[in-house]
Amino acid sequence: MNFQERIHRQFTANFQTAQEALTNLSELIEIASVKLANSLLSDGKILCCGNGGSAAQAQHFSSEMLNRFERERPGLPAIALTTDTSTLTSVANDYRYDDVFAKQIRALGHSQDALIVYTTSGNSASILSAVMAAHDRDMAVIALSGRDGGALAPLLKETDIEIRVACPSTARVQEVHLIITHCLCDLIDLQLFGE
């Protein structure tokens, strides 16, 4: 197979995964956006986390909230729990890596806040611990997951929202998570600031 064929295959797989997500997940994306907007309207904030590429997704979301998405507006309170290297390394060193997000959530989270977790597998212990910490703090949980939902799916409460990109490819899941992130940003802005 030549390079151009491989490039074409990557784009085609992206389009197909995105189309399936649009068909299957648009209602859940809308519901999640309402939950997040309500959290912000209740003077809450949005905490978000993930590992590896999913950490970058969490940081991307928080930057769109704190700065702006596609319009001029006041910054919105969001914190990526993946960015404070002193906190991350001290928790990982003094306790265990599984607690790097959970300890931050227990310290910073309140019942009016929301947690967004990004995970392609649903099996990362640090993400599972984060969700349990959010439940302990009575926070809303939005899970952007992949594959079969992993160990995360049965851990979620009925009031939590799982937006699962049911695809075995990590790359495709992450690509669609980015589209979903932009949808959430757009819908939050619409709800808070109008057209």
N, C-alpha and C. Protein backbone atom coordinates (compact mmCIF):
# COMPACT_ATOMS: atom_id res chain seq x y z
N MET A 1 0.85 -1.19 0.00
CA MET A 1 0.00 0.00 0.00
C MET A 1 0.89 1.24 0.00
N ASN A 2 0.57 2.23 -0.83
CA ASN A 2 1.38 3.44 -0.86
C ASN A 2 0.89 4.46 0.17
N PHE A 3 1.65 5.52 0.34
CA PHE A 3 1.34 6.54 1.35
C PHE A 3 -0.02 7.19 1.11
N GLN A 4 -0.33 7.51 -0.13
CA GLN A 4 -1.60 8.16 -0.43
C GLN A 4 -2.79 7.27 -0.07
N GLU A 5 -2.66 5.99 -0.30
CA GLU A 5 -3.74 5.06 0.09
C GLU A 5 -3.91 5.03 1.60
N ARG A 6 -2.81 5.06 2.33
CA ARG A 6 -2.88 5.05 3.79
C ARG A 6 -3.53 6.34 4.30
N ILE A 7 -3.17 7.45 3.71
CA ILE A 7 -3.78 8.74 4.09
C ILE A 7 -5.28 8.68 3.82
N HIS A 8 -5.67 8.19 2.66
CA HIS A 8 -7.09 8.09 2.31
C HIS A 8 -7.82 7.20 3.31
N ARG A 9 -7.18 6.10 3.70
CA ARG A 9 -7.80 5.18 4.66
C ARG A 9 -8.02 5.85 6.01
N GLN A 10 -7.06 6.65 6.47
CA GLN A 10 -7.20 7.37 7.75
C GLN A 10 -8.38 8.34 7.70
N PHE A 11 -8.45 9.13 6.62
CA PHE A 11 -9.55 10.09 6.49
C PHE A 11 -10.90 9.38 6.41
N THR A 12 -10.97 8.31 5.64
CA THR A 12 -12.22 7.58 5.49
C THR A 12 -12.69 6.99 6.82
N ALA A 13 -11.76 6.42 7.58
CA ALA A 13 -12.12 5.87 8.89
C ALA A 13 -12.61 6.98 9.82
N ASN A 14 -11.98 8.14 9.75
CA ASN A 14 -12.42 9.28 10.56
C ASN A 14 -13.85 9.67 10.20
N PHE A 15 -14.12 9.82 8.89
CA PHE A 15 -15.46 10.21 8.45
C PHE A 15 -16.52 9.21 8.92
N GLN A 16 -16.21 7.93 8.77
CA GLN A 16 -17.18 6.89 9.14
C GLN A 16 -17.45 6.90 10.64
N THR A 17 -16.40 7.04 11.45
CA THR A 17 -16.57 7.06 12.90
C THR A 17 -17.35 8.30 13.33
N ALA A 18 -17.04 9.43 12.73
CA ALA A 18 -17.75 10.67 13.06
C ALA A 18 -19.22 10.57 12.68
N GLN A 19 -19.53 9.98 11.53
CA GLN A 19 -20.92 9.84 11.09
C GLN A 19 -21.70 8.93 12.05
N GLU A 20 -21.08 7.83 12.47
CA GLU A 20 -21.74 6.94 13.43
C GLU A 20 -21.99 7.67 14.75
N ALA A 21 -21.03 8.47 15.19
CA ALA A 21 -21.20 9.23 16.44
C ALA A 21 -22.32 10.24 16.30
N LEU A 22 -22.39 10.92 15.17
CA LEU A 22 -23.47 11.89 14.95
C LEU A 22 -24.83 11.20 15.05
N THR A 23 -24.94 10.05 14.42
CA THR A 23 -26.20 9.31 14.43
C THR A 23 -26.57 8.83 15.83
N ASN A 24 -25.59 8.33 16.57
CA ASN A 24 -25.86 7.66 17.84
C ASN A 24 -25.73 8.53 19.08
N LEU A 25 -25.01 9.64 19.00
CA LEU A 25 -24.64 10.37 20.22
C LEU A 25 -25.15 11.80 20.31
N SER A 26 -25.79 12.31 19.28
CA SER A 26 -26.15 13.73 19.29
C SER A 26 -27.08 14.10 20.44
N GLU A 27 -28.01 13.22 20.78
CA GLU A 27 -28.92 13.52 21.89
C GLU A 27 -28.17 13.57 23.23
N LEU A 28 -27.23 12.64 23.41
CA LEU A 28 -26.44 12.64 24.65
C LEU A 28 -25.55 13.87 24.74
N ILE A 29 -25.01 14.32 23.62
CA ILE A 29 -24.19 15.53 23.61
C ILE A 29 -25.03 16.73 24.04
N GLU A 30 -26.25 16.81 23.53
CA GLU A 30 -27.15 17.90 23.91
C GLU A 30 -27.45 17.86 25.42
N ILE A 31 -27.78 16.68 25.93
CA ILE A 31 -28.09 16.54 27.36
C ILE A 31 -26.88 16.92 28.20
N ALA A 32 -25.70 16.49 27.79
CA ALA A 32 -24.47 16.82 28.53
C ALA A 32 -24.24 18.33 28.52
N SER A 33 -24.49 18.98 27.40
CA SER A 33 -24.28 20.43 27.33
C SER A 33 -25.22 21.17 28.28
N VAL A 34 -26.45 20.69 28.41
CA VAL A 34 -27.40 21.31 29.33
C VAL A 34 -26.93 21.14 30.77
N LYS A 35 -26.45 19.95 31.08
CA LYS A 35 -25.95 19.69 32.44
C LYS A 35 -24.76 20.59 32.76
N LEU A 36 -23.84 20.75 31.81
CA LEU A 36 -22.67 21.60 32.02
C LEU A 36 -23.06 23.07 32.13
N ALA A 37 -23.97 23.52 31.27
CA ALA A 37 -24.42 24.91 31.33
C ALA A 37 -25.13 25.18 32.66
N ASN A 38 -25.95 24.24 33.11
CA ASN A 38 -26.63 24.41 34.40
C ASN A 38 -25.64 24.50 35.54
N SER A 39 -24.58 23.74 35.46
CA SER A 39 -23.54 23.81 36.49
C SER A 39 -22.93 25.21 36.52
N LEU A 40 -22.62 25.75 35.36
CA LEU A 40 -22.05 27.10 35.30
C LEU A 40 -23.04 28.16 35.75
N LEU A 41 -24.31 27.99 35.38
CA LEU A 41 -25.35 28.94 35.80
C LEU A 41 -25.61 28.88 37.31
N SER A 42 -25.25 27.77 37.94
CA SER A 42 -25.40 27.61 39.39
C SER A 42 -24.14 28.03 40.13
N ASP A 43 -23.30 28.80 39.46
CA ASP A 43 -22.04 29.29 40.05
C ASP A 43 -21.06 28.16 40.29
N GLY A 44 -21.18 27.10 39.52
CA GLY A 44 -20.24 25.99 39.61
C GLY A 44 -19.14 26.13 38.57
N LYS A 45 -18.24 25.17 38.58
CA LYS A 45 -17.14 25.13 37.63
C LYS A 45 -17.08 23.74 37.02
N ILE A 46 -16.27 23.62 35.98
CA ILE A 46 -16.10 22.34 35.32
C ILE A 46 -14.66 21.89 35.52
N LEU A 47 -14.49 20.72 36.13
CA LEU A 47 -13.18 20.09 36.26
C LEU A 47 -13.08 19.03 35.17
N CYS A 48 -11.90 18.84 34.61
CA CYS A 48 -11.77 17.83 33.56
C CYS A 48 -10.40 17.16 33.63
N CYS A 49 -10.37 15.90 33.19
CA CYS A 49 -9.12 15.15 33.27
C CYS A 49 -9.12 14.00 32.27
N GLY A 50 -7.92 13.48 32.04
CA GLY A 50 -7.68 12.34 31.18
C GLY A 50 -6.20 12.04 31.21
N ASN A 51 -5.80 10.97 30.59
CA ASN A 51 -4.39 10.57 30.53
C ASN A 51 -3.90 10.59 29.09
N GLY A 52 -2.63 10.95 28.89
CA GLY A 52 -2.05 10.94 27.55
C GLY A 52 -2.78 11.89 26.61
N GLY A 53 -3.20 11.37 25.45
CA GLY A 53 -3.94 12.19 24.50
C GLY A 53 -5.23 12.72 25.11
N SER A 54 -5.83 11.97 26.01
CA SER A 54 -7.05 12.42 26.68
C SER A 54 -6.77 13.56 27.66
N ALA A 55 -5.55 13.63 28.18
CA ALA A 55 -5.17 14.79 29.01
C ALA A 55 -5.15 16.04 28.15
N ALA A 56 -4.65 15.90 26.93
CA ALA A 56 -4.65 17.03 26.00
C ALA A 56 -6.08 17.47 25.68
N GLN A 57 -6.99 16.51 25.55
CA GLN A 57 -8.40 16.84 25.30
C GLN A 57 -8.98 17.64 26.47
N ALA A 58 -8.67 17.22 27.70
CA ALA A 58 -9.15 17.93 28.88
C ALA A 58 -8.62 19.37 28.89
N GLN A 59 -7.34 19.53 28.59
CA GLN A 59 -6.75 20.86 28.55
C GLN A 59 -7.36 21.70 27.42
N HIS A 60 -7.65 21.08 26.30
CA HIS A 60 -8.28 21.78 25.19
C HIS A 60 -9.64 22.32 25.62
N PHE A 61 -10.44 21.48 26.27
CA PHE A 61 -11.76 21.92 26.72
C PHE A 61 -11.64 23.09 27.69
N SER A 62 -10.77 22.97 28.69
CA SER A 62 -10.68 24.04 29.68
C SER A 62 -10.19 25.34 29.06
N SER A 63 -9.30 25.26 28.08
CA SER A 63 -8.83 26.49 27.43
C SER A 63 -9.95 27.16 26.64
N GLU A 64 -10.81 26.37 26.00
CA GLU A 64 -11.95 26.94 25.28
C GLU A 64 -12.94 27.61 26.24
N MET A 65 -13.06 27.08 27.44
CA MET A 65 -13.95 27.68 28.43
C MET A 65 -13.33 28.95 29.03
N LEU A 66 -12.10 28.84 29.48
CA LEU A 66 -11.45 29.96 30.17
C LEU A 66 -11.19 31.15 29.25
N ASN A 67 -10.81 30.89 28.02
CA ASN A 67 -10.51 31.97 27.09
C ASN A 67 -11.76 32.28 26.27
N ARG A 68 -11.97 31.53 25.22
CA ARG A 68 -13.18 31.66 24.40
C ARG A 68 -13.20 30.52 23.41
N PHE A 69 -14.40 30.28 22.87
CA PHE A 69 -14.52 29.26 21.82
C PHE A 69 -14.53 29.99 20.48
N GLU A 70 -15.70 30.38 19.98
CA GLU A 70 -15.75 31.05 18.68
C GLU A 70 -16.34 32.45 18.74
N ARG A 71 -16.52 32.98 19.93
CA ARG A 71 -17.08 34.32 20.07
C ARG A 71 -16.44 35.01 21.25
N GLU A 72 -16.53 36.33 21.24
CA GLU A 72 -16.07 37.10 22.39
C GLU A 72 -17.10 36.93 23.51
N ARG A 73 -16.62 36.57 24.68
CA ARG A 73 -17.48 36.40 25.84
C ARG A 73 -16.60 36.35 27.07
N PRO A 74 -17.19 36.51 28.26
CA PRO A 74 -16.39 36.37 29.47
C PRO A 74 -15.86 34.94 29.60
N GLY A 75 -14.74 34.78 30.27
CA GLY A 75 -14.21 33.45 30.53
C GLY A 75 -15.14 32.66 31.44
N LEU A 76 -15.15 31.36 31.25
CA LEU A 76 -15.99 30.47 32.05
C LEU A 76 -15.09 29.57 32.90
N PRO A 77 -15.51 29.29 34.15
CA PRO A 77 -14.63 28.56 35.07
C PRO A 77 -14.49 27.07 34.74
N ALA A 78 -13.30 26.71 34.33
CA ALA A 78 -12.97 25.31 34.04
C ALA A 78 -11.52 25.09 34.41
N ILE A 79 -11.24 23.91 34.95
CA ILE A 79 -9.88 23.58 35.38
C ILE A 79 -9.52 22.21 34.83
N ALA A 80 -8.41 22.16 34.09
CA ALA A 80 -7.86 20.88 33.67
C ALA A 80 -6.98 20.36 34.80
N LEU A 81 -7.33 19.23 35.34
CA LEU A 81 -6.60 18.65 36.48
C LEU A 81 -5.31 17.96 36.04
N THR A 82 -4.94 18.15 34.79
CA THR A 82 -3.79 17.47 34.20
C THR A 82 -2.56 18.36 34.09
N THR A 83 -2.64 19.60 34.55
CA THR A 83 -1.61 20.58 34.19
C THR A 83 -0.65 20.97 35.31
N ASP A 84 -0.98 20.73 36.55
CA ASP A 84 -0.14 21.15 37.67
C ASP A 84 0.86 20.04 37.99
N THR A 85 2.04 20.14 37.41
CA THR A 85 3.01 19.05 37.54
C THR A 85 3.47 18.84 38.98
N SER A 86 3.53 19.89 39.77
CA SER A 86 3.93 19.71 41.17
C SER A 86 2.90 18.89 41.93
N THR A 87 1.62 19.21 41.71
CA THR A 87 0.56 18.44 42.37
C THR A 87 0.53 17.00 41.84
N LEU A 88 0.57 16.84 40.53
CA LEU A 88 0.50 15.50 39.94
C LEU A 88 1.64 14.62 40.44
N THR A 89 2.86 15.16 40.44
CA THR A 89 4.00 14.33 40.84
C THR A 89 4.05 14.10 42.34
N SER A 90 3.58 15.07 43.13
CA SER A 90 3.60 14.84 44.58
C SER A 90 2.57 13.79 44.98
N VAL A 91 1.40 13.83 44.38
CA VAL A 91 0.38 12.81 44.68
C VAL A 91 0.86 11.45 44.20
N ALA A 92 1.39 11.39 42.98
CA ALA A 92 1.88 10.11 42.45
C ALA A 92 3.01 9.55 43.29
N ASN A 93 3.87 10.42 43.79
CA ASN A 93 5.01 9.99 44.59
C ASN A 93 4.61 9.61 46.02
N ASP A 94 3.79 10.45 46.66
CA ASP A 94 3.45 10.24 48.06
C ASP A 94 2.36 9.18 48.25
N TYR A 95 1.50 9.02 47.27
CA TYR A 95 0.41 8.05 47.35
C TYR A 95 0.54 7.06 46.20
N ARG A 96 -0.19 7.31 45.14
CA ARG A 96 -0.11 6.48 43.94
C ARG A 96 -0.71 7.26 42.78
N TYR A 97 -0.30 6.90 41.59
CA TYR A 97 -0.77 7.65 40.42
C TYR A 97 -2.29 7.60 40.31
N ASP A 98 -2.90 6.52 40.73
CA ASP A 98 -4.36 6.38 40.64
C ASP A 98 -5.10 7.53 41.30
N ASP A 99 -4.47 8.24 42.24
CA ASP A 99 -5.13 9.30 43.00
C ASP A 99 -4.86 10.71 42.48
N VAL A 100 -4.13 10.86 41.37
CA VAL A 100 -3.70 12.20 40.94
C VAL A 100 -4.86 13.14 40.64
N PHE A 101 -5.97 12.62 40.15
CA PHE A 101 -7.13 13.46 39.88
C PHE A 101 -8.10 13.45 41.06
N ALA A 102 -8.28 12.31 41.68
CA ALA A 102 -9.24 12.17 42.78
C ALA A 102 -8.92 13.12 43.94
N LYS A 103 -7.63 13.24 44.30
CA LYS A 103 -7.28 14.13 45.40
C LYS A 103 -7.60 15.59 45.06
N GLN A 104 -7.38 15.96 43.81
CA GLN A 104 -7.72 17.33 43.40
C GLN A 104 -9.23 17.55 43.43
N ILE A 105 -9.99 16.56 42.98
CA ILE A 105 -11.45 16.67 42.97
C ILE A 105 -11.98 16.80 44.39
N ARG A 106 -11.44 16.01 45.30
CA ARG A 106 -11.91 16.08 46.69
C ARG A 106 -11.58 17.43 47.32
N ALA A 107 -10.51 18.06 46.88
CA ALA A 107 -10.13 19.37 47.42
C ALA A 107 -10.86 20.53 46.75
N LEU A 108 -11.13 20.41 45.46
CA LEU A 108 -11.67 21.54 44.69
C LEU A 108 -13.14 21.41 44.34
N GLY A 109 -13.67 20.18 44.33
CA GLY A 109 -15.01 19.95 43.82
C GLY A 109 -16.11 20.24 44.82
N HIS A 110 -17.23 20.74 44.29
CA HIS A 110 -18.43 21.01 45.08
C HIS A 110 -19.64 20.46 44.33
N SER A 111 -20.76 20.38 45.01
CA SER A 111 -21.94 19.74 44.44
C SER A 111 -22.47 20.45 43.20
N GLN A 112 -22.23 21.74 43.06
CA GLN A 112 -22.71 22.44 41.87
C GLN A 112 -21.76 22.31 40.68
N ASP A 113 -20.61 21.69 40.89
CA ASP A 113 -19.60 21.52 39.85
C ASP A 113 -19.88 20.29 38.99
N ALA A 114 -19.19 20.22 37.88
CA ALA A 114 -19.27 19.05 36.99
C ALA A 114 -17.85 18.55 36.70
N LEU A 115 -17.74 17.27 36.46
CA LEU A 115 -16.48 16.64 36.07
C LEU A 115 -16.66 16.05 34.68
N ILE A 116 -15.73 16.38 33.79
CA ILE A 116 -15.66 15.71 32.49
C ILE A 116 -14.42 14.82 32.50
N VAL A 117 -14.61 13.54 32.23
CA VAL A 117 -13.46 12.64 32.09
C VAL A 117 -13.38 12.21 30.63
N TYR A 118 -12.15 12.17 30.14
CA TYR A 118 -11.86 11.69 28.79
C TYR A 118 -11.08 10.38 28.93
N THR A 119 -11.56 9.33 28.29
CA THR A 119 -10.87 8.04 28.34
C THR A 119 -11.25 7.23 27.11
N THR A 120 -10.28 6.70 26.41
CA THR A 120 -10.60 5.88 25.25
C THR A 120 -10.93 4.44 25.65
N SER A 121 -10.34 3.97 26.75
CA SER A 121 -10.55 2.58 27.16
C SER A 121 -11.60 2.42 28.25
N GLY A 122 -11.74 3.44 29.10
CA GLY A 122 -12.62 3.32 30.26
C GLY A 122 -12.01 2.49 31.37
N ASN A 123 -10.73 2.18 31.28
CA ASN A 123 -10.11 1.30 32.27
C ASN A 123 -9.00 1.95 33.10
N SER A 124 -8.71 3.21 32.88
CA SER A 124 -7.63 3.87 33.62
C SER A 124 -8.03 4.04 35.08
N ALA A 125 -7.19 3.52 35.97
CA ALA A 125 -7.51 3.58 37.40
C ALA A 125 -7.64 5.02 37.88
N SER A 126 -6.84 5.93 37.33
CA SER A 126 -6.93 7.33 37.76
C SER A 126 -8.27 7.95 37.37
N ILE A 127 -8.84 7.52 36.26
CA ILE A 127 -10.14 8.03 35.83
C ILE A 127 -11.25 7.42 36.68
N LEU A 128 -11.14 6.14 36.98
CA LEU A 128 -12.14 5.49 37.83
C LEU A 128 -12.15 6.15 39.21
N SER A 129 -10.97 6.42 39.76
CA SER A 129 -10.87 7.09 41.06
C SER A 129 -11.44 8.49 40.99
N ALA A 130 -11.22 9.18 39.88
CA ALA A 130 -11.75 10.54 39.71
C ALA A 130 -13.27 10.53 39.75
N VAL A 131 -13.87 9.57 39.06
CA VAL A 131 -15.34 9.49 39.04
C VAL A 131 -15.88 9.19 40.44
N MET A 132 -15.23 8.29 41.15
CA MET A 132 -15.68 7.99 42.52
C MET A 132 -15.55 9.22 43.42
N ALA A 133 -14.48 9.99 43.26
CA ALA A 133 -14.31 11.22 44.05
C ALA A 133 -15.40 12.22 43.71
N ALA A 134 -15.73 12.35 42.43
CA ALA A 134 -16.80 13.26 42.02
C ALA A 134 -18.14 12.83 42.62
N HIS A 135 -18.39 11.53 42.64
CA HIS A 135 -19.61 11.04 43.27
C HIS A 135 -19.62 11.38 44.77
N ASP A 136 -18.47 11.24 45.42
CA ASP A 136 -18.38 11.58 46.84
C ASP A 136 -18.70 13.05 47.08
N ARG A 137 -18.40 13.90 46.11
CA ARG A 137 -18.65 15.34 46.22
C ARG A 137 -19.98 15.74 45.60
N ASP A 138 -20.81 14.76 45.21
CA ASP A 138 -22.12 15.01 44.60
C ASP A 138 -22.04 15.87 43.34
N MET A 139 -21.01 15.63 42.54
CA MET A 139 -20.82 16.37 41.30
C MET A 139 -21.45 15.62 40.12
N ALA A 140 -21.89 16.37 39.13
CA ALA A 140 -22.32 15.77 37.86
C ALA A 140 -21.10 15.22 37.15
N VAL A 141 -21.25 14.09 36.49
CA VAL A 141 -20.15 13.47 35.75
C VAL A 141 -20.55 13.28 34.30
N ILE A 142 -19.69 13.77 33.40
CA ILE A 142 -19.83 13.56 31.97
C ILE A 142 -18.61 12.74 31.56
N ALA A 143 -18.83 11.56 30.99
CA ALA A 143 -17.72 10.69 30.58
C ALA A 143 -17.69 10.59 29.07
N LEU A 144 -16.60 11.04 28.46
CA LEU A 144 -16.35 10.81 27.05
C LEU A 144 -15.46 9.58 26.97
N SER A 145 -16.06 8.49 26.51
CA SER A 145 -15.37 7.20 26.56
C SER A 145 -15.29 6.59 25.16
N GLY A 146 -14.74 5.38 25.10
CA GLY A 146 -14.63 4.69 23.83
C GLY A 146 -14.79 3.19 24.00
N ARG A 147 -14.61 2.50 22.89
CA ARG A 147 -14.69 1.03 22.84
C ARG A 147 -15.99 0.53 23.48
N ASP A 148 -15.89 -0.30 24.55
CA ASP A 148 -17.10 -0.83 25.19
C ASP A 148 -17.39 -0.13 26.52
N GLY A 149 -16.70 0.95 26.80
CA GLY A 149 -16.89 1.69 28.05
C GLY A 149 -16.03 1.20 29.18
N GLY A 150 -15.47 0.00 29.05
CA GLY A 150 -14.55 -0.55 30.05
C GLY A 150 -15.14 -0.62 31.44
N ALA A 151 -14.27 -0.52 32.44
CA ALA A 151 -14.69 -0.59 33.84
C ALA A 151 -15.44 0.66 34.27
N LEU A 152 -15.33 1.73 33.47
CA LEU A 152 -16.01 2.98 33.81
C LEU A 152 -17.53 2.87 33.68
N ALA A 153 -18.00 2.22 32.63
CA ALA A 153 -19.44 2.18 32.34
C ALA A 153 -20.28 1.72 33.54
N PRO A 154 -19.97 0.59 34.19
CA PRO A 154 -20.80 0.17 35.31
C PRO A 154 -20.62 1.04 36.56
N LEU A 155 -19.58 1.85 36.59
CA LEU A 155 -19.32 2.72 37.74
C LEU A 155 -20.18 3.98 37.71
N LEU A 156 -20.69 4.32 36.54
CA LEU A 156 -21.45 5.56 36.39
C LEU A 156 -22.84 5.42 36.98
N LYS A 157 -23.32 6.52 37.56
CA LYS A 157 -24.66 6.57 38.13
C LYS A 157 -25.68 6.87 37.04
N GLU A 158 -26.94 6.67 37.36
CA GLU A 158 -28.02 6.95 36.41
C GLU A 158 -28.03 8.42 36.01
N THR A 159 -27.62 9.30 36.90
CA THR A 159 -27.62 10.74 36.62
C THR A 159 -26.38 11.19 35.84
N ASP A 160 -25.37 10.34 35.72
CA ASP A 160 -24.18 10.65 34.93
C ASP A 160 -24.50 10.47 33.44
N ILE A 161 -23.67 11.04 32.61
CA ILE A 161 -23.86 10.91 31.17
C ILE A 161 -22.59 10.33 30.56
N GLU A 162 -22.74 9.21 29.86
CA GLU A 162 -21.63 8.64 29.14
C GLU A 162 -21.84 8.86 27.65
N ILE A 163 -20.88 9.49 27.01
CA ILE A 163 -20.89 9.70 25.57
C ILE A 163 -19.80 8.78 25.01
N ARG A 164 -20.21 7.59 24.59
CA ARG A 164 -19.26 6.54 24.22
C ARG A 164 -19.12 6.43 22.70
N VAL A 165 -17.90 6.61 22.24
CA VAL A 165 -17.57 6.40 20.83
C VAL A 165 -17.17 4.93 20.71
N ALA A 166 -18.11 4.12 20.29
CA ALA A 166 -17.93 2.66 20.30
C ALA A 166 -17.08 2.21 19.12
N CYS A 167 -15.80 2.52 19.20
CA CYS A 167 -14.86 2.19 18.13
C CYS A 167 -13.59 1.63 18.78
N PRO A 168 -12.98 0.61 18.21
CA PRO A 168 -11.79 0.02 18.83
C PRO A 168 -10.50 0.83 18.63
N SER A 169 -10.51 1.81 17.72
CA SER A 169 -9.31 2.57 17.42
C SER A 169 -9.18 3.79 18.34
N THR A 170 -8.08 3.85 19.09
CA THR A 170 -7.83 4.99 19.97
C THR A 170 -7.81 6.29 19.18
N ALA A 171 -7.17 6.30 18.03
CA ALA A 171 -7.08 7.51 17.23
C ALA A 171 -8.46 8.00 16.82
N ARG A 172 -9.31 7.09 16.35
CA ARG A 172 -10.66 7.50 15.93
C ARG A 172 -11.47 8.02 17.12
N VAL A 173 -11.37 7.35 18.26
CA VAL A 173 -12.10 7.80 19.45
C VAL A 173 -11.66 9.21 19.82
N GLN A 174 -10.36 9.45 19.85
CA GLN A 174 -9.86 10.78 20.22
C GLN A 174 -10.29 11.85 19.23
N GLU A 175 -10.30 11.51 17.95
CA GLU A 175 -10.75 12.48 16.94
C GLU A 175 -12.20 12.86 17.16
N VAL A 176 -13.04 11.88 17.44
CA VAL A 176 -14.45 12.19 17.66
C VAL A 176 -14.65 12.89 19.01
N HIS A 177 -13.83 12.55 20.01
CA HIS A 177 -13.91 13.29 21.28
C HIS A 177 -13.66 14.78 21.05
N LEU A 178 -12.78 15.12 20.13
CA LEU A 178 -12.52 16.53 19.84
C LEU A 178 -13.75 17.19 19.22
N ILE A 179 -14.42 16.52 18.30
CA ILE A 179 -15.65 17.06 17.72
C ILE A 179 -16.69 17.25 18.81
N ILE A 180 -16.84 16.26 19.68
CA ILE A 180 -17.81 16.34 20.78
C ILE A 180 -17.46 17.51 21.69
N THR A 181 -16.19 17.69 21.99
CA THR A 181 -15.74 18.80 22.82
C THR A 181 -16.16 20.12 22.20
N HIS A 182 -15.96 20.28 20.91
CA HIS A 182 -16.35 21.52 20.24
C HIS A 182 -17.87 21.69 20.23
N CYS A 183 -18.62 20.61 20.10
CA CYS A 183 -20.08 20.69 20.20
C CYS A 183 -20.50 21.17 21.58
N LEU A 184 -19.88 20.61 22.62
CA LEU A 184 -20.20 21.03 23.99
C LEU A 184 -19.90 22.51 24.19
N CYS A 185 -18.74 22.96 23.70
CA CYS A 185 -18.38 24.38 23.84
C CYS A 185 -19.40 25.27 23.14
N ASP A 186 -19.78 24.91 21.93
CA ASP A 186 -20.74 25.69 21.16
C ASP A 186 -22.09 25.75 21.87
N LEU A 187 -22.56 24.61 22.36
CA LEU A 187 -23.88 24.57 23.00
C LEU A 187 -23.87 25.27 24.35
N ILE A 188 -22.78 25.20 25.08
CA ILE A 188 -22.67 25.93 26.35
C ILE A 188 -22.75 27.43 26.06
N ASP A 189 -21.98 27.90 25.08
CA ASP A 189 -22.01 29.33 24.73
C ASP A 189 -23.42 29.75 24.32
N LEU A 190 -24.10 28.94 23.53
CA LEU A 190 -25.45 29.26 23.08
C LEU A 190 -26.39 29.40 24.27
N GLN A 191 -26.31 28.46 25.22
CA GLN A 191 -27.21 28.50 26.38
C GLN A 191 -26.93 29.67 27.30
N LEU A 192 -25.66 30.04 27.44
CA LEU A 192 -25.31 31.10 28.37
C LEU A 192 -25.40 32.49 27.75
N PHE A 193 -25.14 32.59 26.43
CA PHE A 193 -25.00 33.91 25.82
C PHE A 193 -25.90 34.14 24.61
N GLY A 194 -26.72 33.13 24.24
CA GLY A 194 -27.63 33.30 23.12
C GLY A 194 -26.93 33.17 21.78
N GLU A 195 -27.65 33.50 20.71
CA GLU A 195 -27.12 33.35 19.34
C GLU A 195 -25.94 34.29 19.09
